[in-house]
Amino acid sequence: RDRLRSRGLGDVYKRQQLLMKINRLAVRLCMCALVFFRALSLYADGKDSLSRKMIHMAGIDIKPAYIFPTHEFFAGNNATFAPIRKNLSVHLKYGFKFAPDTYFGRMYPHAVQGIGVGYNTFFHSSELGNPWSVYAFQTSRIASLTPRLSLDYEWNFGASFEWKKYDAESNPYNRVVGSKMNAYIHLSFLLNWQLDAQTNLRAGIGATHFSNGNTAYPNAGVNTFGASIGLTRYFGGTSRATLADGSSGIVRRPPFKPYVSYDLIVYGATRKKGVFPAEGNPVLVPGSFGILGLNFTPMYNFSRYFRAGVSVDAQYDESANISGYIANSVGQPDAETIKFYRPPFREQFAVGLSVRAEVVMPIFSINLGIGRNVICKGADTDSFYQVLALKTDITKNLFLHVGYQLHDFKDPNNLMLGLGFRFNAKGRE
């Protein structure tokens, strides 16, 4: 009965604090990698300087938004007893796109990627703070409407800082935000009007999500929907109007042959866990639990812009199904006294199959997945799961993987911070 030895959470508190520090460090390392874009030098063609192969962009966006009342805190159960409905953010961005005479400039002529910094106010700083965000972004054209007007999209993926988190004494109403740092995800659709050869006016709508991926409780998340208006200005890069082969005005793309690539990803994270004893109130277990996962995903590359496939997903979650192994469930245990038996491995390990679709652009790929665990035991792992992930190329084969997993289409599971390797990767065909 070694596997059923009593597990006092206080005895392993230091180890779990270390897991939290490792998780925070992993997030910061991933963000640094996104910010510095080491991949830029790998995408520069030929022997020309990088500055001649890039067209730079600077931009500013203003985004007023409506806060969805997904929690009673926003509906009025807060210190002011008034609804919280408004959000306003201001963003400064630097980006670049590849010049028309480069491979990526020919393949993705409208793609712009870069970094942004945003400042948010919810007009309720006493309980939420005024968080700021740092993120990677990418924008490109969906369709040309007129010679000067197009429909574009833009996504942002990063982290937000300086939130005022829940505190039982100093901030008791805010049962929405449990950490000072949270993930930041944004998607918008924009009308892009070219004012002149270098200046664009963009306006549209977008949605934003803030949460910490269950690395801290509470984690109800903050969701907004609103408008966006901004200006972008392009400068630098090559001024040549002709392509490298001497043709003018025609984008010549080499033929694409569909092929199969294979992504192998290893990731880790930490998460918090709440349990429900047989008697008494719900208990937030102190410390954090470790997660380790592996994905193997054959992907059929239909074009330069899209690939899809089926993924085999294995994950070990140290917190899975511990609710059924409370050693002292009688007598209303609390966070200081609750103890557990260690669940068997087969109840904390699961293997699932998911359908994956991926939008492929320079440097970044956005991966979406819907799947179900097929080898599992216990309520926590016997579920559908959904994945949203950003892959950032470091080399032709190696990439960073930053993902977020839900279960049953509504409940946060965990972050997915790791590295991937792509077999049979092809580029610049």
Protein backbone atom coordinates (compact mmCIF):
# COMPACT_ATOMS: atom_id res chain seq x y z
CA ARG A 1 0.00 0.00 0.00
CA ASP A 2 2.95 2.31 -0.62
CA ARG A 3 1.01 4.17 -3.27
CA LEU A 4 -1.67 4.97 -0.68
CA ARG A 5 0.73 6.58 1.74
CA SER A 6 -0.68 9.70 3.35
CA ARG A 7 0.30 12.90 1.60
CA GLY A 8 0.30 16.01 3.82
CA LEU A 9 0.38 19.04 1.57
CA GLY A 10 2.23 21.07 4.15
CA ASP A 11 5.15 18.62 3.98
CA VAL A 12 5.69 19.28 0.29
CA TYR A 13 4.90 23.00 0.28
CA LYS A 14 8.49 23.97 -0.51
CA ARG A 15 8.58 21.64 -3.50
CA GLN A 16 5.36 23.07 -4.87
CA GLN A 17 6.58 26.62 -4.34
CA LEU A 18 9.57 25.63 -6.48
CA LEU A 19 7.19 24.35 -9.17
CA MET A 20 5.43 27.73 -9.18
CA LYS A 21 8.75 29.54 -9.59
CA ILE A 22 9.72 27.22 -12.46
CA ASN A 23 6.38 27.88 -14.15
CA ARG A 24 6.76 31.66 -13.86
CA LEU A 25 10.31 31.43 -15.17
CA ALA A 26 9.12 29.37 -18.14
CA VAL A 27 6.50 31.99 -18.99
CA ARG A 28 9.09 34.77 -18.87
CA LEU A 29 11.57 32.82 -20.98
CA CYS A 30 8.91 32.18 -23.63
CA MET A 31 7.95 35.85 -23.66
CA CYS A 32 11.59 36.89 -24.01
CA ALA A 33 11.95 34.53 -26.94
CA LEU A 34 8.90 36.06 -28.58
CA VAL A 35 10.14 39.60 -27.98
CA PHE A 36 13.62 39.16 -29.34
CA PHE A 37 12.61 37.06 -32.36
CA ARG A 38 15.79 35.20 -32.84
CA ALA A 39 14.13 33.69 -35.88
CA LEU A 40 14.54 36.94 -37.81
CA SER A 41 18.12 36.28 -38.75
CA LEU A 42 17.20 32.80 -39.96
CA TYR A 43 14.60 34.18 -42.35
CA ALA A 44 16.81 36.76 -44.04
CA ASP A 45 17.57 35.74 -47.64
CA GLY A 46 20.93 35.90 -49.36
CA LYS A 47 23.86 38.03 -48.24
CA ASP A 48 22.06 41.37 -48.09
CA SER A 49 21.77 43.07 -44.73
CA LEU A 50 18.66 42.28 -42.71
CA SER A 51 17.55 45.92 -42.87
CA ARG A 52 17.28 45.70 -46.67
CA LYS A 53 15.06 42.63 -46.36
CA MET A 54 12.53 44.14 -43.97
CA ILE A 55 9.96 46.92 -44.09
CA HIS A 56 9.37 48.32 -40.60
CA MET A 57 6.05 49.40 -39.08
CA ALA A 58 5.10 51.54 -36.09
CA GLY A 59 1.52 51.78 -34.92
CA ILE A 60 -0.87 52.99 -32.24
CA ASP A 61 -4.29 51.51 -31.40
CA ILE A 62 -7.06 52.69 -29.08
CA LYS A 63 -9.56 50.02 -27.99
CA PRO A 64 -12.71 50.85 -25.99
CA ALA A 65 -14.48 47.67 -24.91
CA TYR A 66 -17.39 46.16 -22.99
CA ILE A 67 -16.67 43.73 -20.12
CA PHE A 68 -18.77 40.58 -20.21
CA PRO A 69 -20.44 40.09 -16.76
CA THR A 70 -19.28 36.48 -16.50
CA HIS A 71 -18.90 36.80 -12.72
CA GLU A 72 -20.98 38.46 -10.01
CA PHE A 73 -18.03 40.74 -9.28
CA PHE A 74 -18.66 42.55 -12.59
CA ALA A 75 -22.42 42.55 -12.03
CA GLY A 76 -22.07 44.65 -8.87
CA ASN A 77 -20.88 42.38 -6.06
CA ASN A 78 -17.79 44.51 -5.44
CA ALA A 79 -16.60 47.21 -3.07
CA THR A 80 -18.56 49.94 -4.87
CA PHE A 81 -21.74 47.84 -5.35
CA ALA A 82 -21.89 49.07 -8.97
CA PRO A 83 -21.53 47.18 -12.25
CA ILE A 84 -18.13 47.15 -13.94
CA ARG A 85 -18.73 47.33 -17.68
CA LYS A 86 -16.06 49.54 -19.32
CA ASN A 87 -12.52 48.85 -20.47
CA LEU A 88 -10.14 51.09 -22.41
CA SER A 89 -6.69 50.16 -23.66
CA VAL A 90 -3.97 51.99 -25.60
CA HIS A 91 -1.35 50.05 -27.55
CA LEU A 92 2.00 50.92 -29.12
CA LYS A 93 3.42 48.43 -31.59
CA TYR A 94 6.52 47.77 -33.62
CA GLY A 95 6.37 45.31 -36.50
CA PHE A 96 7.97 44.34 -39.76
CA LYS A 97 7.16 42.58 -42.99
CA PHE A 98 9.53 41.03 -45.46
CA ALA A 99 10.45 43.01 -48.57
CA PRO A 100 8.85 41.99 -51.89
CA ASP A 101 12.13 40.61 -53.29
CA THR A 102 12.52 38.02 -50.51
CA TYR A 103 11.01 34.55 -50.37
CA PHE A 104 8.69 35.36 -47.47
CA GLY A 105 7.82 38.69 -49.02
CA ARG A 106 6.59 36.88 -52.12
CA MET A 107 4.80 34.13 -50.22
CA TYR A 108 3.21 36.34 -47.54
CA PRO A 109 3.17 39.89 -48.97
CA HIS A 110 0.69 41.29 -46.42
CA ALA A 111 1.89 39.58 -43.21
CA VAL A 112 3.21 41.89 -40.48
CA GLN A 113 4.54 40.55 -37.18
CA GLY A 114 6.11 42.20 -34.18
CA ILE A 115 5.74 43.14 -30.54
CA GLY A 116 3.30 45.40 -28.72
CA VAL A 117 2.83 47.05 -25.35
CA GLY A 118 -0.64 47.92 -24.05
CA TYR A 119 -2.05 49.78 -21.06
CA ASN A 120 -5.49 48.84 -19.70
CA THR A 121 -7.93 50.54 -17.41
CA PHE A 122 -11.21 49.05 -16.21
CA PHE A 123 -12.12 52.32 -14.46
CA HIS A 124 -11.95 50.34 -11.22
CA SER A 125 -8.30 50.38 -10.24
CA SER A 126 -8.94 49.92 -6.52
CA GLU A 127 -9.86 46.25 -7.01
CA LEU A 128 -8.53 45.35 -10.48
CA GLY A 129 -5.57 47.66 -10.95
CA ASN A 130 -4.47 49.11 -14.29
CA PRO A 131 -2.62 46.21 -15.91
CA TRP A 132 -0.26 46.55 -18.85
CA SER A 133 0.55 43.86 -21.37
CA VAL A 134 3.50 42.75 -23.53
CA TYR A 135 2.72 40.54 -26.49
CA ALA A 136 3.62 39.22 -29.89
CA PHE A 137 1.23 40.04 -32.71
CA GLN A 138 0.65 39.19 -36.32
CA THR A 139 -1.71 40.73 -38.84
CA SER A 140 -2.46 39.99 -42.47
CA ARG A 141 -5.06 40.40 -45.19
CA ILE A 142 -8.17 38.25 -45.46
CA ALA A 143 -9.61 39.88 -48.60
CA SER A 144 -9.14 42.95 -50.79
CA LEU A 145 -12.34 44.98 -51.01
CA THR A 146 -11.08 47.86 -53.18
CA PRO A 147 -7.58 48.88 -54.32
CA ARG A 148 -7.18 50.87 -51.07
CA LEU A 149 -9.45 48.96 -48.66
CA SER A 150 -9.01 45.44 -47.28
CA LEU A 151 -10.40 43.19 -44.57
CA ASP A 152 -7.61 42.13 -42.19
CA TYR A 153 -7.20 40.10 -39.02
CA GLU A 154 -4.84 40.51 -36.08
CA TRP A 155 -4.03 38.31 -33.11
CA ASN A 156 -2.11 39.16 -29.94
CA PHE A 157 -0.59 36.57 -27.62
CA GLY A 158 1.34 37.52 -24.50
CA ALA A 159 1.21 38.33 -20.80
CA SER A 160 -0.34 41.08 -18.68
CA PHE A 161 1.10 42.43 -15.44
CA GLU A 162 0.28 44.51 -12.36
CA TRP A 163 -3.21 43.17 -11.69
CA LYS A 164 -4.64 43.61 -8.21
CA LYS A 165 -5.37 40.04 -7.24
CA TYR A 166 -7.82 38.54 -4.78
CA ASP A 167 -6.93 38.85 -1.12
CA ALA A 168 -9.23 37.67 1.64
CA GLU A 169 -8.50 40.78 3.74
CA SER A 170 -7.54 43.64 1.40
CA ASN A 171 -9.43 42.64 -1.79
CA PRO A 172 -12.14 40.15 -0.79
CA TYR A 173 -14.69 40.85 -3.54
CA ASN A 174 -12.35 40.24 -6.44
CA ARG A 175 -12.86 36.51 -6.89
CA VAL A 176 -11.98 36.86 -10.57
CA VAL A 177 -8.23 37.50 -10.68
CA GLY A 178 -5.92 35.32 -8.60
CA SER A 179 -2.49 36.45 -9.80
CA LYS A 180 -0.60 39.65 -10.59
CA MET A 181 0.44 38.21 -13.99
CA ASN A 182 -2.07 36.74 -16.44
CA ALA A 183 -2.10 35.52 -20.02
CA TYR A 184 -3.35 38.00 -22.63
CA ILE A 185 -5.08 36.79 -25.83
CA HIS A 186 -6.76 39.05 -28.38
CA LEU A 187 -8.31 38.57 -31.83
CA SER A 188 -9.69 41.33 -34.03
CA PHE A 189 -11.07 41.82 -37.54
CA LEU A 190 -10.26 45.17 -39.15
CA LEU A 191 -11.00 47.33 -42.15
CA ASN A 192 -7.64 48.60 -43.36
CA TRP A 193 -7.73 51.82 -45.42
CA GLN A 194 -4.53 52.88 -47.15
CA LEU A 195 -4.30 56.66 -46.75
CA ASP A 196 -1.06 56.91 -48.73
CA ALA A 197 1.84 54.67 -49.74
CA GLN A 198 3.10 54.40 -46.15
CA THR A 199 0.16 55.20 -43.85
CA ASN A 200 -2.89 53.08 -43.01
CA LEU A 201 -6.00 53.75 -40.93
CA ARG A 202 -7.50 50.62 -39.36
CA ALA A 203 -10.80 50.17 -37.53
CA GLY A 204 -12.78 47.13 -36.48
CA ILE A 205 -13.95 44.88 -33.66
CA GLY A 206 -12.19 42.40 -31.40
CA ALA A 207 -12.36 40.18 -28.33
CA THR A 208 -9.86 39.86 -25.47
CA HIS A 209 -9.32 37.23 -22.79
CA PHE A 210 -7.22 37.51 -19.61
CA SER A 211 -6.57 34.51 -17.34
CA ASN A 212 -3.75 32.63 -15.62
CA GLY A 213 -4.40 29.11 -16.92
CA ASN A 214 -5.19 27.74 -13.46
CA THR A 215 -1.73 28.58 -12.13
CA ALA A 216 -3.47 30.48 -9.31
CA TYR A 217 -6.97 30.73 -7.83
CA PRO A 218 -9.36 32.34 -8.37
CA ASN A 219 -9.26 32.15 -12.16
CA ALA A 220 -12.66 33.22 -13.47
CA GLY A 221 -10.97 35.29 -16.19
CA VAL A 222 -11.77 38.69 -17.68
CA ASN A 223 -13.38 38.84 -21.12
CA THR A 224 -14.04 41.94 -23.21
CA PHE A 225 -15.50 42.76 -26.62
CA GLY A 226 -15.16 46.12 -28.29
CA ALA A 227 -13.93 48.39 -31.04
CA SER A 228 -10.47 49.26 -32.27
CA ILE A 229 -9.11 52.23 -34.20
CA GLY A 230 -5.50 52.96 -35.03
CA LEU A 231 -2.84 54.24 -37.39
CA THR A 232 0.16 52.40 -38.82
CA ARG A 233 3.17 53.88 -40.58
CA TYR A 234 5.67 51.91 -42.69
CA PHE A 235 9.28 52.94 -43.20
CA GLY A 236 12.69 51.57 -44.16
CA GLY A 237 13.44 48.48 -46.19
CA THR A 238 13.98 48.27 -49.91
CA SER A 239 12.42 50.89 -52.16
CA ARG A 240 12.57 48.75 -55.29
CA ALA A 241 9.22 48.25 -56.99
CA THR A 242 10.37 45.21 -58.97
CA LEU A 243 10.85 41.68 -57.76
CA ALA A 244 14.15 39.88 -57.65
CA ASP A 245 13.58 38.19 -61.00
CA GLY A 246 13.07 41.54 -62.74
CA SER A 247 9.33 41.28 -63.24
CA SER A 248 7.13 44.19 -62.18
CA GLY A 249 3.80 44.16 -60.38
CA ILE A 250 3.40 40.36 -60.46
CA VAL A 251 3.98 38.20 -57.40
CA ARG A 252 5.65 35.03 -58.67
CA ARG A 253 5.22 32.15 -56.24
CA PRO A 254 6.98 28.84 -56.89
CA PRO A 255 4.63 25.86 -57.14
CA PHE A 256 3.67 24.17 -53.88
CA LYS A 257 3.59 20.39 -53.49
CA PRO A 258 1.51 19.08 -50.54
CA TYR A 259 3.44 16.97 -48.06
CA VAL A 260 3.24 15.50 -44.55
CA SER A 261 5.23 16.87 -41.60
CA TYR A 262 5.38 15.53 -38.04
CA ASP A 263 5.43 17.67 -34.89
CA LEU A 264 6.75 16.25 -31.62
CA ILE A 265 6.10 18.55 -28.62
CA VAL A 266 7.11 18.21 -24.97
CA TYR A 267 5.57 20.68 -22.52
CA GLY A 268 5.11 21.32 -18.82
CA ALA A 269 3.21 23.63 -16.48
CA THR A 270 1.81 23.92 -12.97
CA ARG A 271 -1.77 24.37 -11.82
CA LYS A 272 -3.85 24.97 -8.71
CA LYS A 273 -6.56 22.61 -7.52
CA GLY A 274 -9.75 22.89 -5.49
CA VAL A 275 -11.46 19.85 -3.94
CA PHE A 276 -14.84 19.09 -2.38
CA PRO A 277 -14.66 17.03 0.84
CA ALA A 278 -17.61 14.85 1.80
CA GLU A 279 -18.39 17.30 4.59
CA GLY A 280 -17.75 21.00 4.82
CA ASN A 281 -16.91 23.68 2.27
CA PRO A 282 -14.74 23.46 -0.86
CA VAL A 283 -11.02 23.58 -0.11
CA LEU A 284 -8.30 25.20 -2.22
CA VAL A 285 -5.31 22.90 -1.90
CA PRO A 286 -2.17 24.88 -0.97
CA GLY A 287 0.77 24.86 -3.34
CA SER A 288 0.72 23.83 -7.00
CA PHE A 289 0.71 20.59 -8.93
CA GLY A 290 2.99 19.65 -11.80
CA ILE A 291 1.93 18.77 -15.35
CA LEU A 292 3.99 17.05 -18.04
CA GLY A 293 2.72 16.36 -21.54
CA LEU A 294 3.68 15.11 -24.98
CA ASN A 295 2.00 15.60 -28.37
CA PHE A 296 2.81 13.75 -31.59
CA THR A 297 1.01 15.30 -34.56
CA PRO A 298 1.29 14.21 -38.19
CA MET A 299 0.11 17.19 -40.28
CA TYR A 300 -0.85 17.24 -43.94
CA ASN A 301 0.33 20.52 -45.46
CA PHE A 302 -2.46 21.49 -47.86
CA SER A 303 -0.81 24.79 -48.80
CA ARG A 304 1.78 27.26 -47.53
CA TYR A 305 -0.91 28.72 -45.28
CA PHE A 306 -2.75 25.73 -43.83
CA ARG A 307 -2.09 22.27 -42.45
CA ALA A 308 -4.21 19.81 -40.49
CA GLY A 309 -3.96 16.40 -38.91
CA VAL A 310 -4.65 14.13 -35.95
CA SER A 311 -2.62 14.36 -32.75
CA VAL A 312 -1.83 11.77 -30.10
CA ASP A 313 -1.81 13.66 -26.78
CA ALA A 314 -0.40 12.20 -23.55
CA GLN A 315 -0.50 14.13 -20.28
CA TYR A 316 0.36 13.45 -16.65
CA ASP A 317 -1.45 15.73 -14.17
CA GLU A 318 -0.35 15.44 -10.54
CA SER A 319 -3.66 16.95 -9.39
CA ALA A 320 -6.01 14.69 -11.37
CA ASN A 321 -8.64 12.84 -9.33
CA ILE A 322 -7.20 13.73 -5.93
CA SER A 323 -10.72 14.59 -4.77
CA GLY A 324 -11.40 10.87 -4.42
CA TYR A 325 -8.34 10.32 -2.25
CA ILE A 326 -8.85 12.72 0.67
CA ALA A 327 -7.49 10.98 3.74
CA ASN A 328 -9.36 13.09 6.29
CA SER A 329 -12.56 14.04 4.47
CA VAL A 330 -14.61 13.67 7.66
CA GLY A 331 -14.50 16.57 10.06
CA GLN A 332 -14.45 19.49 7.64
CA PRO A 333 -10.71 19.68 6.74
CA ASP A 334 -9.36 23.03 5.63
CA ALA A 335 -6.36 24.07 3.55
CA GLU A 336 -4.03 23.69 6.54
CA THR A 337 -5.14 20.24 7.63
CA ILE A 338 -6.28 18.43 4.49
CA LYS A 339 -4.31 15.32 3.55
CA PHE A 340 -4.43 12.96 0.59
CA TYR A 341 -3.57 9.46 -0.44
CA ARG A 342 -1.57 9.47 -3.62
CA PRO A 343 -3.83 8.41 -6.52
CA PRO A 344 -2.56 5.57 -8.73
CA PHE A 345 -0.66 6.60 -11.84
CA ARG A 346 -3.37 5.37 -14.21
CA GLU A 347 -5.81 7.92 -12.72
CA GLN A 348 -3.41 10.82 -13.29
CA PHE A 349 -2.21 9.87 -16.76
CA ALA A 350 -4.34 10.09 -19.90
CA VAL A 351 -3.90 9.64 -23.63
CA GLY A 352 -6.22 11.37 -26.06
CA LEU A 353 -6.78 11.88 -29.77
CA SER A 354 -7.47 15.35 -31.17
CA VAL A 355 -8.17 16.87 -34.56
CA ARG A 356 -5.76 19.74 -35.26
CA ALA A 357 -5.89 22.64 -37.71
CA GLU A 358 -3.08 25.14 -38.11
CA VAL A 359 -2.77 28.50 -39.83
CA VAL A 360 0.82 28.91 -41.07
CA MET A 361 2.46 32.32 -41.44
CA PRO A 362 6.05 33.60 -41.27
CA ILE A 363 7.61 32.81 -37.87
CA PHE A 364 4.26 31.98 -36.22
CA SER A 365 1.63 29.27 -36.55
CA ILE A 366 -1.72 29.21 -34.74
CA ASN A 367 -2.86 25.70 -33.78
CA LEU A 368 -6.43 24.78 -32.80
CA GLY A 369 -7.49 21.36 -31.55
CA ILE A 370 -10.53 19.48 -30.29
CA GLY A 371 -10.07 16.05 -28.75
CA ARG A 372 -11.05 13.44 -26.22
CA ASN A 373 -9.11 11.25 -23.85
CA VAL A 374 -9.46 7.61 -24.86
CA ILE A 375 -7.10 6.03 -22.31
CA CYS A 376 -8.12 7.43 -18.96
CA LYS A 377 -9.67 6.64 -15.59
CA GLY A 378 -11.51 9.00 -13.28
CA ALA A 379 -13.76 12.02 -13.74
CA ASP A 380 -10.94 14.57 -14.09
CA THR A 381 -9.40 12.91 -17.17
CA ASP A 382 -12.52 11.37 -18.77
CA SER A 383 -13.44 14.45 -20.76
CA PHE A 384 -13.28 16.39 -24.01
CA TYR A 385 -10.48 18.94 -24.25
CA GLN A 386 -9.68 21.91 -26.47
CA VAL A 387 -6.29 23.41 -27.30
CA LEU A 388 -5.21 26.85 -28.51
CA ALA A 389 -1.48 27.12 -29.14
CA LEU A 390 1.05 29.49 -30.65
CA LYS A 391 4.12 27.98 -32.29
CA THR A 392 7.12 30.29 -32.77
CA ASP A 393 9.84 29.09 -35.13
CA ILE A 394 13.40 29.20 -33.80
CA THR A 395 14.94 27.23 -36.66
CA LYS A 396 13.48 25.35 -39.63
CA ASN A 397 12.80 22.36 -37.36
CA LEU A 398 12.72 23.71 -33.80
CA PHE A 399 9.91 25.86 -32.36
CA LEU A 400 8.57 27.21 -29.09
CA HIS A 401 5.11 26.04 -28.05
CA VAL A 402 2.89 28.19 -25.83
CA GLY A 403 -0.60 26.77 -25.41
CA TYR A 404 -3.75 26.83 -23.32
CA GLN A 405 -5.98 23.83 -22.71
CA LEU A 406 -9.68 23.81 -21.77
CA HIS A 407 -11.96 20.90 -21.00
CA ASP A 408 -15.63 20.52 -21.91
CA PHE A 409 -15.43 23.77 -23.92
CA LYS A 410 -15.67 26.00 -20.84
CA ASP A 411 -13.36 25.11 -17.94
CA PRO A 412 -9.62 25.97 -17.89
CA ASN A 413 -7.28 23.02 -17.57
CA ASN A 414 -3.67 24.21 -17.77
CA LEU A 415 -1.00 26.05 -19.70
CA MET A 416 1.26 24.19 -22.12
CA LEU A 417 4.79 25.65 -22.18
CA GLY A 418 7.33 23.68 -24.15
CA LEU A 419 9.47 22.95 -27.18
CA GLY A 420 8.66 21.18 -30.42
CA PHE A 421 10.59 19.55 -33.22
CA ARG A 422 9.22 19.25 -36.75
CA PHE A 423 10.26 16.24 -38.79
CA ASN A 424 10.21 16.54 -42.60
CA ALA A 425 9.96 20.31 -42.35
CA LYS A 426 10.08 22.06 -45.67
CA GLY A 427 10.40 25.71 -46.57
CA ARG A 428 11.35 27.99 -49.44
CA GLU A 429 10.38 25.29 -51.94
